[in-house]
Amino acid sequence: MNLVTLTSDYGNADHDIAAFKGQLLSDAPNSQIIDVSHAVSPYNVMQAAYLLGRTYKRFPAGTVHIILVDAYQGSTKNYLVAQIEGQYFVAADNGVLTLIAPDIGFEKLVAVDLRNTNQNLYPEDALAQISAHLLKGGKPDVLGQPAREYTVKSASRPTLKTDGNGIIANVIHIDTFGNLVTNVTRKWLKDHVGDRKLIVVARNKRITRLVDSYFEGPTEGELFGVFNRDGHLEIAVQKPAGKFKNSACSLLGLHVNNNIFIEFE
């Protein structure tokens, strides 16, 4: 099927993504390109990993996932190809690959050798060439040697307050509707908090209603907490007018990486 996904922090206002797709289709004409998101916050590899980590398992084996986030790394860093659960991930050596499936790990991790190519390649050109090789059935081992030194990053996790009476968490993604996705998961709460009743505190707003689906949410315009399909706690508003109008994002003035707090009742 020659499937390839594309995730970037390039936005949609400029020509770069279209140019990248054109180059990739020139190098691998039978490719089918699927956009994951181009609205990742600039350089935010954790947000990119969150989006891709909840997407790739729905794709068939052999899919190539290209990550153009924080891609300009200079001449001192490698480009990497990772194999995870039979799929390929192509990115700069900025830690993003270590965040996508940290509990699964790599089947392979190759540091790409670009010595036989133009050394002044832009990241887009390099990643297009690497991805085209994979899409044509080429093996990652041909591209370089196993990566022995590479950037490792740890996923953002909530922490219990030192007094044990609350949780410090943060926003890791804001979706199209302005819902604030946090790094608090249902599993983490079960392991660390148990069945204690929670109150979410964000920008001095106290959110006491936590539900299991958007259908259980309150009337329009009211803030509530909900566990999304991936088990992450979101702060949401029922039927917002848009991402920046009457949404959780706009009402609370929160952004990616901002803190929220959870108290125990």
Protein backbone atom coordinates (compact mmCIF):
# COMPACT_ATOMS: atom_id res chain seq x y z
CA MET A 1 0.00 0.00 0.00
CA ASN A 2 3.03 2.32 0.43
CA LEU A 3 1.34 4.19 3.26
CA VAL A 4 3.14 7.12 4.84
CA THR A 5 1.97 9.49 7.58
CA LEU A 6 3.24 12.98 8.17
CA THR A 7 3.38 14.87 11.47
CA SER A 8 4.95 18.33 11.71
CA ASP A 9 5.13 21.65 13.51
CA TYR A 10 5.12 23.50 10.15
CA GLY A 11 1.50 24.68 10.22
CA ASN A 12 -0.61 25.12 7.09
CA ALA A 13 0.09 28.74 6.18
CA ASP A 14 3.28 28.11 4.22
CA HIS A 15 4.30 26.00 1.25
CA ASP A 16 6.72 23.66 3.04
CA ILE A 17 4.41 20.68 3.58
CA ALA A 18 3.15 20.76 -0.02
CA ALA A 19 6.75 20.94 -1.26
CA PHE A 20 7.71 18.01 0.96
CA LYS A 21 4.83 15.91 -0.34
CA GLY A 22 5.78 16.76 -3.91
CA GLN A 23 9.37 15.65 -3.30
CA LEU A 24 8.27 12.44 -1.62
CA LEU A 25 5.86 11.60 -4.45
CA SER A 26 8.62 12.28 -6.99
CA ASP A 27 10.93 9.86 -5.14
CA ALA A 28 8.23 7.26 -4.37
CA PRO A 29 5.35 7.85 -6.86
CA ASN A 30 3.03 5.15 -5.53
CA SER A 31 2.92 6.52 -1.99
CA GLN A 32 -0.29 7.41 -0.21
CA ILE A 33 0.34 10.26 2.22
CA ILE A 34 -1.88 10.74 5.27
CA ASP A 35 -1.57 13.81 7.49
CA VAL A 36 -1.62 13.20 11.23
CA SER A 37 -1.21 16.87 12.21
CA HIS A 38 0.72 19.96 11.17
CA ALA A 39 -0.44 21.94 14.20
CA VAL A 40 2.07 20.57 16.71
CA SER A 41 3.39 23.41 18.88
CA PRO A 42 6.84 24.50 17.63
CA TYR A 43 9.58 22.04 18.66
CA ASN A 44 7.19 20.16 20.96
CA VAL A 45 8.32 16.57 20.51
CA MET A 46 6.18 15.36 23.42
CA GLN A 47 3.02 16.61 21.75
CA ALA A 48 4.07 15.01 18.46
CA ALA A 49 4.72 11.71 20.24
CA TYR A 50 1.31 11.87 21.95
CA LEU A 51 -0.47 12.29 18.61
CA LEU A 52 1.51 9.66 16.76
CA GLY A 53 1.57 7.22 19.66
CA ARG A 54 -2.23 7.14 19.55
CA THR A 55 -2.36 6.83 15.76
CA TYR A 56 0.20 4.36 14.50
CA LYS A 57 -1.42 1.20 15.88
CA ARG A 58 -4.34 1.67 13.51
CA PHE A 59 -2.03 1.43 10.48
CA PRO A 60 -0.83 -1.77 8.82
CA ALA A 61 2.68 -3.17 9.13
CA GLY A 62 5.19 -1.49 6.86
CA THR A 63 3.69 2.00 7.19
CA VAL A 64 6.30 4.77 7.27
CA HIS A 65 5.70 7.60 9.78
CA ILE A 66 7.62 10.81 9.11
CA ILE A 67 8.05 13.31 11.95
CA LEU A 68 9.04 16.83 10.93
CA VAL A 69 9.01 18.35 14.41
CA ASP A 70 12.11 20.10 15.76
CA ALA A 71 13.73 18.74 12.61
CA TYR A 72 16.57 21.25 12.20
CA GLN A 73 19.30 19.68 14.31
CA GLY A 74 22.47 20.86 12.61
CA SER A 75 25.39 18.72 11.45
CA THR A 76 26.13 17.19 14.86
CA LYS A 77 22.95 15.09 15.03
CA ASN A 78 21.82 12.07 13.03
CA TYR A 79 18.57 11.26 11.35
CA LEU A 80 17.13 8.05 12.74
CA VAL A 81 14.91 5.24 11.52
CA ALA A 82 13.12 3.24 14.20
CA GLN A 83 11.15 0.06 13.74
CA ILE A 84 8.32 -0.37 16.25
CA GLU A 85 5.78 -3.18 15.96
CA GLY A 86 6.58 -3.70 12.28
CA GLN A 87 6.25 -0.03 11.32
CA TYR A 88 8.93 2.54 10.49
CA PHE A 89 9.43 5.96 12.09
CA VAL A 90 11.74 8.56 10.53
CA ALA A 91 12.84 11.63 12.51
CA ALA A 92 15.72 13.78 13.63
CA ASP A 93 17.65 12.66 16.69
CA ASN A 94 15.73 14.88 19.11
CA GLY A 95 14.19 12.32 21.46
CA VAL A 96 10.79 12.08 19.79
CA LEU A 97 11.25 8.43 18.82
CA THR A 98 11.88 7.43 22.43
CA LEU A 99 8.53 8.94 23.47
CA ILE A 100 6.19 7.23 21.00
CA ALA A 101 6.06 3.77 22.57
CA PRO A 102 8.42 3.76 25.57
CA ASP A 103 6.86 0.62 27.04
CA ILE A 104 7.42 -1.32 23.81
CA GLY A 105 10.85 -0.18 22.68
CA PHE A 106 12.58 -0.49 19.32
CA GLU A 107 12.86 -3.57 17.17
CA LYS A 108 15.57 -1.64 15.30
CA LEU A 109 17.09 1.81 15.55
CA VAL A 110 19.39 2.93 12.73
CA ALA A 111 21.50 6.09 12.52
CA VAL A 112 21.29 7.13 8.87
CA ASP A 113 24.60 7.63 7.04
CA LEU A 114 24.27 10.62 4.68
CA ARG A 115 27.93 10.77 3.65
CA ASN A 116 27.14 9.76 0.08
CA THR A 117 24.50 12.45 -0.34
CA ASN A 118 24.49 16.22 -0.47
CA GLN A 119 25.69 17.30 2.97
CA ASN A 120 23.64 20.52 2.76
CA LEU A 121 20.33 18.70 2.67
CA TYR A 122 17.46 20.37 4.47
CA PRO A 123 15.66 18.07 6.92
CA GLU A 124 12.71 17.77 4.54
CA ASP A 125 14.97 16.55 1.71
CA ALA A 126 16.83 14.09 3.93
CA LEU A 127 13.66 12.63 5.44
CA ALA A 128 12.04 12.39 2.00
CA GLN A 129 15.00 10.39 0.66
CA ILE A 130 15.09 8.10 3.69
CA SER A 131 11.33 7.52 3.57
CA ALA A 132 11.33 6.87 -0.18
CA HIS A 133 13.93 4.13 0.35
CA LEU A 134 11.67 2.43 2.90
CA LEU A 135 8.53 2.88 0.80
CA LYS A 136 10.23 1.14 -2.12
CA GLY A 137 10.86 -1.87 0.09
CA GLY A 138 14.39 -0.99 1.12
CA LYS A 139 15.65 -2.21 4.48
CA PRO A 140 16.61 0.26 7.24
CA ASP A 141 19.90 -1.60 7.78
CA VAL A 142 21.11 -0.39 4.36
CA LEU A 143 20.78 3.24 5.46
CA GLY A 144 23.37 3.13 8.24
CA GLN A 145 24.55 1.43 11.39
CA PRO A 146 22.63 0.57 14.57
CA ALA A 147 22.32 3.74 16.67
CA ARG A 148 24.42 3.39 19.81
CA GLU A 149 24.14 6.96 21.10
CA TYR A 150 20.95 8.92 20.64
CA THR A 151 18.78 11.44 22.46
CA VAL A 152 16.44 9.94 25.05
CA LYS A 153 13.52 11.84 26.54
CA SER A 154 11.08 10.77 29.22
CA ALA A 155 7.35 11.23 28.82
CA SER A 156 5.73 13.96 30.86
CA ARG A 157 4.07 12.42 33.91
CA PRO A 158 1.92 13.84 36.70
CA THR A 159 3.40 13.99 40.17
CA LEU A 160 1.91 13.78 43.63
CA LYS A 161 2.40 16.88 45.78
CA THR A 162 4.91 16.45 48.57
CA ASP A 163 2.14 16.64 51.17
CA GLY A 164 0.23 13.89 49.37
CA ASN A 165 -2.90 16.00 49.07
CA GLY A 166 -2.96 16.64 45.36
CA ILE A 167 -1.47 16.18 41.92
CA ILE A 168 0.55 18.49 39.70
CA ALA A 169 -0.11 17.79 36.02
CA ASN A 170 0.18 19.62 32.73
CA VAL A 171 -1.48 20.09 29.36
CA ILE A 172 0.11 18.01 26.60
CA HIS A 173 -2.26 18.76 23.72
CA ILE A 174 -5.14 21.04 22.74
CA ASP A 175 -7.51 19.54 20.19
CA THR A 176 -9.59 21.18 17.46
CA PHE A 177 -12.43 21.89 19.89
CA GLY A 178 -10.16 23.54 22.44
CA ASN A 179 -10.29 20.59 24.84
CA LEU A 180 -7.21 20.43 27.07
CA VAL A 181 -5.63 16.96 27.08
CA THR A 182 -3.55 16.36 30.20
CA ASN A 183 -0.83 13.86 31.06
CA VAL A 184 -3.09 12.31 33.71
CA THR A 185 -4.39 8.91 32.70
CA ARG A 186 -7.05 6.71 34.22
CA LYS A 187 -4.43 4.00 34.82
CA TRP A 188 -2.06 6.42 36.59
CA LEU A 189 -4.87 7.57 38.87
CA LYS A 190 -5.82 3.99 39.69
CA ASP A 191 -2.20 3.11 40.53
CA HIS A 192 -1.43 6.23 42.58
CA VAL A 193 -4.71 7.61 43.91
CA GLY A 194 -7.24 4.80 43.92
CA ASP A 195 -10.91 5.73 43.99
CA ARG A 196 -10.59 9.10 45.71
CA LYS A 197 -12.88 11.79 44.35
CA LEU A 198 -11.06 14.46 42.34
CA ILE A 199 -11.42 18.19 41.82
CA VAL A 200 -9.52 19.72 38.88
CA VAL A 201 -8.16 23.22 39.53
CA ALA A 202 -7.16 25.28 36.50
CA ARG A 203 -6.63 29.05 36.54
CA ASN A 204 -8.53 29.21 39.87
CA LYS A 205 -11.53 27.43 38.34
CA ARG A 206 -12.65 24.39 40.31
CA ILE A 207 -14.04 21.64 38.11
CA THR A 208 -15.93 19.06 40.12
CA ARG A 209 -17.73 17.18 37.37
CA LEU A 210 -15.68 14.28 35.94
CA VAL A 211 -17.39 11.93 33.50
CA ASP A 212 -16.50 8.94 31.34
CA SER A 213 -17.73 10.27 27.99
CA TYR A 214 -18.64 13.54 26.31
CA PHE A 215 -22.28 12.38 26.19
CA GLU A 216 -22.39 12.61 29.97
CA GLY A 217 -21.11 16.17 29.94
CA PRO A 218 -23.14 19.04 31.40
CA THR A 219 -25.04 21.72 29.54
CA GLU A 220 -23.33 23.88 26.92
CA GLY A 221 -20.73 26.34 28.19
CA GLU A 222 -19.87 24.51 31.43
CA LEU A 223 -16.40 23.17 32.11
CA PHE A 224 -16.07 19.48 32.96
CA GLY A 225 -13.47 16.71 33.04
CA VAL A 226 -13.68 13.67 30.79
CA PHE A 227 -11.51 10.64 30.05
CA ASN A 228 -10.88 10.41 26.31
CA ARG A 229 -10.72 7.18 24.28
CA ASP A 230 -7.02 6.80 25.13
CA GLY A 231 -7.65 7.16 28.87
CA HIS A 232 -6.25 10.68 29.24
CA LEU A 233 -8.08 13.22 31.37
CA GLU A 234 -9.31 16.20 29.36
CA ILE A 235 -10.78 19.51 30.48
CA ALA A 236 -13.62 20.21 28.10
CA VAL A 237 -16.69 22.30 27.38
CA GLN A 238 -19.85 20.86 25.87
CA LYS A 239 -20.26 22.05 22.25
CA PRO A 240 -17.78 24.95 22.13
CA ALA A 241 -18.10 27.47 19.29
CA GLY A 242 -14.52 26.74 18.21
CA LYS A 243 -11.02 26.20 19.49
CA PHE A 244 -10.69 29.79 20.65
CA LYS A 245 -14.32 30.66 21.37
CA ASN A 246 -16.23 29.39 24.40
CA SER A 247 -13.86 26.42 24.69
CA ALA A 248 -11.86 25.12 27.63
CA CYS A 249 -8.75 26.54 25.99
CA SER A 250 -10.18 30.06 25.63
CA LEU A 251 -12.11 30.15 28.91
CA LEU A 252 -9.07 29.12 30.96
CA GLY A 253 -6.33 30.75 28.88
CA LEU A 254 -4.19 27.63 29.07
CA HIS A 255 -1.62 26.42 26.56
CA VAL A 256 0.42 23.28 25.94
CA ASN A 257 2.87 22.69 28.84
CA ASN A 258 0.86 24.82 31.29
CA ASN A 259 0.22 23.26 34.70
CA ILE A 260 -3.11 22.16 36.15
CA PHE A 261 -3.73 20.84 39.64
CA ILE A 262 -5.92 18.12 41.05
CA GLU A 263 -7.17 18.10 44.61
CA PHE A 264 -8.72 15.27 46.55
CA GLU A 265 -12.17 15.78 48.05
